[in-house]
Amino acid sequence: MGDRDGHVTFFAGNSDGTLKTGERIAASAGVIKTSNSSPVITDWNEDGLFDLLLGSESASEGIRVYLNNGSKTAFKFTNYTKLQANGSDIGLGRCQIEVVDLNGDGKKDLIAGHIGGDFKYYKNIGTNSSPAFNNPTLLEKTDGSPIKAGLDTRGTLVDWNEDGVLDLVWSEYVTDSKLYLYLGEKGSSVQKGIRISKSSNIKSMTLFRNRIALSLEKPFMQSITVVVTSALGRTHTLSNSVKVDAQHFLFECENAQFSPGVYIVQIMLQSGEQFYGKVVLQGNRQINN
């Protein structure tokens, strides 16, 4: 986890889903510190060990790469190098990065949201174990216009609808309380944009190991489908519901055993209207909405 002070903190997980006390990650030169740290964990050089990439608030600090020279269970980071594009350090203010194979060529690419309000796409022209980049292009809609916000884009790429193509879920710093979902299309970075409101109609959600209880602020007579998505992007569609009344529903999911963690719950009405909410499953029983 990054923070405002620029540290990177590691919270080891326990078997019951709780977390141990956090420890600040250090490198050869001491405890890692930048400004508004935005970390990504990935095997950057394909040696079987997790490495650390770090974006920050300052464009002059660039995107740092800390290679892991330790082991899988005892990481030990070297001092950093800076990522370059076309022979120069990548300098982006308030930089948040994603490492993903966007074009499907089997090599990791770099996507960066930043203070400029767009998403820069750095295609990997090197190898998977030694990435290299030229100048970036922008993530665009299929009409050729860039995905553009007012300030500070933040996003993640995941196969949201499980069609085999990466999609983009993003927001911005000066927010209107919305998330934006752009569905990916084969051969293109994105297909279409959907603005997602905060869950104004979700009164409460309770997630159990294999079912979800849902209570709505106002009644709906039309049919409802619920999609539960884990933090890793795994989805479960729940349409086998017991309708208690027009505001209360119980969805059974016989084939899913939800593990402790964070889940996004998507409610889709027959009319096409959608609502989203977040729920945290702690252990086997305690639920936070």
Protein backbone atom coordinates (compact mmCIF):
# COMPACT_ATOMS: atom_id res chain seq x y z
CA MET A 1 0.00 0.00 0.00
CA GLY A 2 1.23 3.48 -0.87
CA ASP A 3 0.37 6.55 1.18
CA ARG A 4 0.46 10.34 1.19
CA ASP A 5 3.83 10.39 2.96
CA GLY A 6 5.41 8.33 0.19
CA HIS A 7 6.11 5.07 2.00
CA VAL A 8 5.18 1.58 0.81
CA THR A 9 3.71 -0.66 3.51
CA PHE A 10 3.34 -4.44 3.33
CA PHE A 11 0.57 -6.18 5.28
CA ALA A 12 1.05 -9.97 5.41
CA GLY A 13 -2.15 -12.01 5.38
CA ASN A 14 -3.29 -14.53 7.96
CA SER A 15 -5.17 -17.71 7.11
CA ASP A 16 -8.43 -16.29 8.48
CA GLY A 17 -8.38 -13.28 6.16
CA THR A 18 -7.08 -10.78 8.70
CA LEU A 19 -3.80 -8.90 8.22
CA LYS A 20 -0.66 -8.68 10.30
CA THR A 21 0.74 -5.32 11.37
CA GLY A 22 2.14 -3.44 8.40
CA GLU A 23 5.85 -3.06 7.79
CA ARG A 24 7.47 -0.39 5.66
CA ILE A 25 9.37 -1.77 2.70
CA ALA A 26 13.05 -0.88 2.51
CA ALA A 27 15.65 -1.09 -0.24
CA SER A 28 19.46 -1.08 -0.18
CA ALA A 29 19.54 2.64 0.64
CA GLY A 30 16.99 2.39 3.47
CA VAL A 31 13.23 2.72 3.87
CA ILE A 32 11.58 3.56 0.54
CA LYS A 33 10.09 7.04 0.50
CA THR A 34 8.84 9.26 -2.28
CA SER A 35 5.73 11.47 -2.41
CA ASN A 36 2.18 10.13 -2.78
CA SER A 37 3.52 6.66 -3.48
CA SER A 38 1.62 4.47 -5.94
CA PRO A 39 3.11 0.96 -5.91
CA VAL A 40 2.64 -1.98 -8.27
CA ILE A 41 3.93 -5.47 -7.50
CA THR A 42 4.96 -7.53 -10.55
CA ASP A 43 7.71 -9.89 -11.69
CA TRP A 44 9.37 -7.21 -13.82
CA ASN A 45 12.42 -9.21 -14.97
CA GLU A 46 10.73 -12.65 -15.08
CA ASP A 47 13.05 -14.28 -12.53
CA GLY A 48 10.21 -15.74 -10.47
CA LEU A 49 10.38 -13.04 -7.77
CA PHE A 50 8.04 -10.12 -7.21
CA ASP A 51 9.54 -6.69 -7.90
CA LEU A 52 8.26 -3.21 -7.01
CA LEU A 53 7.37 -0.40 -9.42
CA LEU A 54 6.60 2.95 -7.84
CA GLY A 55 4.84 6.02 -9.20
CA SER A 56 4.78 9.27 -7.26
CA GLU A 57 3.47 12.82 -7.12
CA SER A 58 6.61 14.39 -8.53
CA ALA A 59 7.34 14.13 -12.25
CA SER A 60 11.06 14.53 -11.52
CA GLU A 61 11.07 11.36 -9.40
CA GLY A 62 9.89 9.35 -12.38
CA ILE A 63 8.72 5.73 -12.19
CA ARG A 64 11.08 3.75 -9.98
CA VAL A 65 11.90 0.07 -10.41
CA TYR A 66 13.10 -1.85 -7.35
CA LEU A 67 14.26 -5.36 -8.28
CA ASN A 68 13.93 -8.14 -5.73
CA ASN A 69 17.23 -9.92 -5.08
CA GLY A 70 15.90 -11.87 -2.12
CA SER A 71 13.52 -14.81 -2.28
CA LYS A 72 9.80 -15.48 -2.63
CA THR A 73 9.30 -15.37 1.13
CA ALA A 74 12.00 -12.85 2.10
CA PHE A 75 12.10 -10.00 -0.39
CA LYS A 76 15.18 -7.82 -0.60
CA PHE A 77 15.07 -4.83 -2.91
CA THR A 78 18.01 -3.17 -4.63
CA ASN A 79 18.24 0.57 -5.00
CA TYR A 80 16.00 1.81 -7.78
CA THR A 81 16.47 2.62 -11.42
CA LYS A 82 14.09 4.86 -13.36
CA LEU A 83 11.95 3.65 -16.23
CA GLN A 84 12.76 5.27 -19.54
CA ALA A 85 10.94 5.80 -22.82
CA ASN A 86 12.87 6.59 -25.98
CA GLY A 87 16.05 7.06 -23.94
CA SER A 88 14.66 9.55 -21.41
CA ASP A 89 13.23 9.13 -17.90
CA ILE A 90 9.45 8.91 -17.82
CA GLY A 91 8.30 11.98 -15.90
CA LEU A 92 4.60 12.17 -14.98
CA GLY A 93 3.12 14.08 -12.07
CA ARG A 94 0.82 12.21 -9.65
CA CYS A 95 1.55 9.05 -11.58
CA GLN A 96 -0.44 5.85 -11.05
CA ILE A 97 0.69 2.84 -13.08
CA GLU A 98 -0.64 -0.49 -14.30
CA VAL A 99 1.47 -3.30 -15.74
CA VAL A 100 -0.54 -5.43 -18.16
CA ASP A 101 -0.27 -7.04 -21.60
CA LEU A 102 -2.69 -4.65 -23.31
CA ASN A 103 -2.12 -5.66 -26.94
CA GLY A 104 -2.01 -9.40 -26.35
CA ASP A 105 1.50 -10.00 -27.70
CA GLY A 106 2.64 -11.82 -24.57
CA LYS A 107 4.76 -8.94 -23.26
CA LYS A 108 4.00 -6.66 -20.32
CA ASP A 109 3.08 -3.08 -21.25
CA LEU A 110 2.79 0.01 -19.07
CA ILE A 111 -0.34 2.15 -18.58
CA ALA A 112 -0.01 5.42 -16.64
CA GLY A 113 -2.71 7.72 -15.31
CA HIS A 114 -1.42 11.13 -14.25
CA ILE A 115 -2.14 14.77 -13.51
CA GLY A 116 -2.75 15.51 -17.21
CA GLY A 117 -6.06 13.63 -17.09
CA ASP A 118 -5.44 10.98 -19.75
CA PHE A 119 -3.96 7.47 -19.85
CA LYS A 120 -0.57 7.03 -21.47
CA TYR A 121 0.08 3.66 -23.10
CA TYR A 122 3.71 2.55 -23.28
CA LYS A 123 3.93 -0.45 -25.61
CA ASN A 124 6.71 -2.88 -24.74
CA ILE A 125 9.10 -3.01 -27.70
CA GLY A 126 11.65 -5.04 -25.74
CA THR A 127 11.15 -8.48 -24.22
CA ASN A 128 9.07 -9.72 -21.32
CA SER A 129 12.15 -10.07 -19.12
CA SER A 130 13.70 -6.77 -20.26
CA PRO A 131 10.90 -4.32 -21.14
CA ALA A 132 11.70 -1.28 -23.28
CA PHE A 133 9.50 1.60 -24.39
CA ASN A 134 9.30 4.34 -26.99
CA ASN A 135 7.20 7.49 -26.63
CA PRO A 136 3.66 6.74 -25.44
CA THR A 137 0.32 6.92 -27.20
CA LEU A 138 -2.98 7.64 -25.44
CA LEU A 139 -5.70 5.18 -24.61
CA GLU A 140 -8.52 6.03 -27.02
CA LYS A 141 -12.14 5.28 -27.68
CA THR A 142 -12.99 3.59 -30.97
CA ASP A 143 -13.90 6.96 -32.49
CA GLY A 144 -10.25 7.99 -32.10
CA SER A 145 -10.78 10.46 -29.25
CA PRO A 146 -8.67 10.01 -26.11
CA ILE A 147 -10.08 8.99 -22.77
CA LYS A 148 -9.88 12.31 -20.99
CA ALA A 149 -10.71 13.59 -17.51
CA GLY A 150 -10.28 16.89 -15.77
CA LEU A 151 -7.38 15.86 -13.55
CA ASP A 152 -5.46 12.89 -12.14
CA THR A 153 -6.73 9.75 -13.84
CA ARG A 154 -6.72 6.54 -11.82
CA GLY A 155 -7.60 3.24 -13.43
CA THR A 156 -7.27 -0.51 -13.55
CA LEU A 157 -7.45 -2.89 -16.50
CA VAL A 158 -9.40 -6.11 -15.98
CA ASP A 159 -11.66 -8.36 -18.05
CA TRP A 160 -14.80 -6.96 -16.42
CA ASN A 161 -17.34 -8.83 -18.56
CA GLU A 162 -15.20 -11.97 -19.12
CA ASP A 163 -15.19 -11.79 -22.92
CA GLY A 164 -11.43 -12.33 -23.17
CA VAL A 165 -10.68 -8.61 -23.76
CA LEU A 166 -9.31 -6.19 -21.17
CA ASP A 167 -11.64 -3.40 -20.02
CA LEU A 168 -10.80 -0.14 -18.24
CA VAL A 169 -12.38 0.96 -14.95
CA TRP A 170 -11.30 4.44 -13.97
CA SER A 171 -11.99 7.59 -12.00
CA GLU A 172 -10.39 10.99 -11.51
CA TYR A 173 -9.19 13.06 -8.59
CA VAL A 174 -11.77 15.83 -8.99
CA THR A 175 -14.58 13.33 -8.92
CA ASP A 176 -18.31 13.58 -9.54
CA SER A 177 -18.83 10.43 -7.43
CA LYS A 178 -18.72 8.29 -10.53
CA LEU A 179 -16.67 5.46 -11.86
CA TYR A 180 -16.28 5.00 -15.59
CA LEU A 181 -16.23 1.63 -17.32
CA TYR A 182 -14.90 1.32 -20.85
CA LEU A 183 -15.49 -2.09 -22.40
CA GLY A 184 -12.65 -3.39 -24.53
CA GLU A 185 -13.10 -4.46 -28.13
CA LYS A 186 -10.81 -6.85 -29.99
CA GLY A 187 -8.22 -4.88 -31.93
CA SER A 188 -8.95 -1.66 -30.04
CA SER A 189 -8.10 -0.21 -26.64
CA VAL A 190 -11.72 0.41 -25.64
CA GLN A 191 -15.17 0.15 -27.12
CA LYS A 192 -17.66 2.28 -25.25
CA GLY A 193 -17.94 4.19 -22.02
CA ILE A 194 -20.46 3.68 -19.23
CA ARG A 195 -20.75 6.03 -16.30
CA ILE A 196 -21.50 4.20 -13.08
CA SER A 197 -23.25 5.98 -10.24
CA LYS A 198 -22.50 5.23 -6.65
CA SER A 199 -24.98 2.76 -5.22
CA SER A 200 -27.78 5.24 -4.47
CA ASN A 201 -30.41 2.48 -4.30
CA ILE A 202 -28.52 -0.11 -2.26
CA LYS A 203 -29.61 0.02 1.36
CA SER A 204 -27.57 -2.95 2.58
CA MET A 205 -25.76 -6.01 1.30
CA THR A 206 -24.73 -9.08 3.26
CA LEU A 207 -22.34 -11.51 1.60
CA PHE A 208 -22.05 -15.04 2.93
CA ARG A 209 -19.89 -17.92 1.71
CA ASN A 210 -22.35 -18.87 -1.06
CA ARG A 211 -25.17 -16.33 -1.10
CA ILE A 212 -25.91 -12.63 -0.87
CA ALA A 213 -28.80 -10.86 0.84
CA LEU A 214 -29.77 -7.56 -0.78
CA SER A 215 -31.96 -4.75 0.53
CA LEU A 216 -32.93 -1.81 -1.75
CA GLU A 217 -33.95 1.71 -0.80
CA LYS A 218 -36.96 1.65 -3.13
CA PRO A 219 -38.95 -1.28 -4.50
CA PHE A 220 -38.51 -2.75 -7.97
CA MET A 221 -41.02 -5.04 -9.61
CA GLN A 222 -38.74 -6.00 -12.52
CA SER A 223 -36.27 -8.87 -12.49
CA ILE A 224 -32.82 -8.33 -11.00
CA THR A 225 -29.48 -9.95 -11.81
CA VAL A 226 -26.52 -9.64 -9.46
CA VAL A 227 -22.87 -10.00 -10.52
CA VAL A 228 -20.26 -10.38 -7.77
CA THR A 229 -16.67 -9.57 -8.81
CA SER A 230 -13.64 -10.32 -6.63
CA ALA A 231 -10.57 -8.09 -6.37
CA LEU A 232 -8.83 -10.48 -8.79
CA GLY A 233 -11.52 -9.94 -11.43
CA ARG A 234 -13.28 -13.31 -10.98
CA THR A 235 -17.05 -12.92 -11.48
CA HIS A 236 -20.10 -14.86 -10.35
CA THR A 237 -23.53 -14.12 -11.81
CA LEU A 238 -26.39 -14.69 -9.37
CA SER A 239 -29.86 -14.83 -10.87
CA ASN A 240 -31.38 -17.62 -8.78
CA SER A 241 -33.09 -15.36 -6.28
CA VAL A 242 -35.70 -15.73 -3.58
CA LYS A 243 -37.82 -12.57 -3.67
CA VAL A 244 -38.87 -11.77 -0.13
CA ASP A 245 -40.67 -8.62 -1.31
CA ALA A 246 -40.05 -5.82 -3.82
CA GLN A 247 -37.14 -4.48 -1.74
CA HIS A 248 -35.50 -7.58 -0.31
CA PHE A 249 -33.84 -10.40 -2.24
CA LEU A 250 -31.73 -13.45 -1.44
CA PHE A 251 -29.43 -14.75 -4.16
CA GLU A 252 -28.03 -18.25 -3.93
CA CYS A 253 -24.78 -19.20 -5.65
CA GLU A 254 -24.36 -22.96 -5.47
CA ASN A 255 -21.04 -23.08 -7.34
CA ALA A 256 -19.32 -20.20 -5.53
CA GLN A 257 -17.55 -20.29 -2.20
CA PHE A 258 -16.59 -16.69 -1.49
CA SER A 259 -13.28 -16.36 0.34
CA PRO A 260 -12.54 -13.44 2.68
CA GLY A 261 -11.81 -10.30 0.70
CA VAL A 262 -13.25 -7.29 -1.12
CA TYR A 263 -16.02 -7.72 -3.70
CA ILE A 264 -17.83 -5.38 -6.08
CA VAL A 265 -21.55 -6.10 -6.36
CA GLN A 266 -23.26 -5.06 -9.60
CA ILE A 267 -27.07 -4.95 -9.67
CA MET A 268 -28.58 -5.01 -13.15
CA LEU A 269 -32.25 -4.30 -13.65
CA GLN A 270 -34.28 -5.55 -16.59
CA SER A 271 -34.61 -1.93 -17.76
CA GLY A 272 -30.82 -1.65 -18.14
CA GLU A 273 -30.31 0.50 -15.02
CA GLN A 274 -27.28 -0.51 -12.95
CA PHE A 275 -26.13 0.04 -9.38
CA TYR A 276 -22.78 -0.79 -7.80
CA GLY A 277 -21.63 -1.32 -4.25
CA LYS A 278 -18.64 -2.68 -2.34
CA VAL A 279 -18.77 -5.36 0.33
CA VAL A 280 -16.02 -6.88 2.47
CA LEU A 281 -16.23 -10.50 3.60
CA GLN A 282 -14.24 -10.99 6.79
CA GLY A 283 -13.58 -14.58 7.80
CA ASN A 284 -16.56 -16.87 7.37
CA ARG A 285 -19.28 -14.76 8.88
CA GLN A 286 -18.67 -11.07 9.66
CA ILE A 287 -19.73 -8.76 6.83
CA ASN A 288 -19.12 -5.04 6.41
CA ASN A 289 -21.19 -3.05 3.86
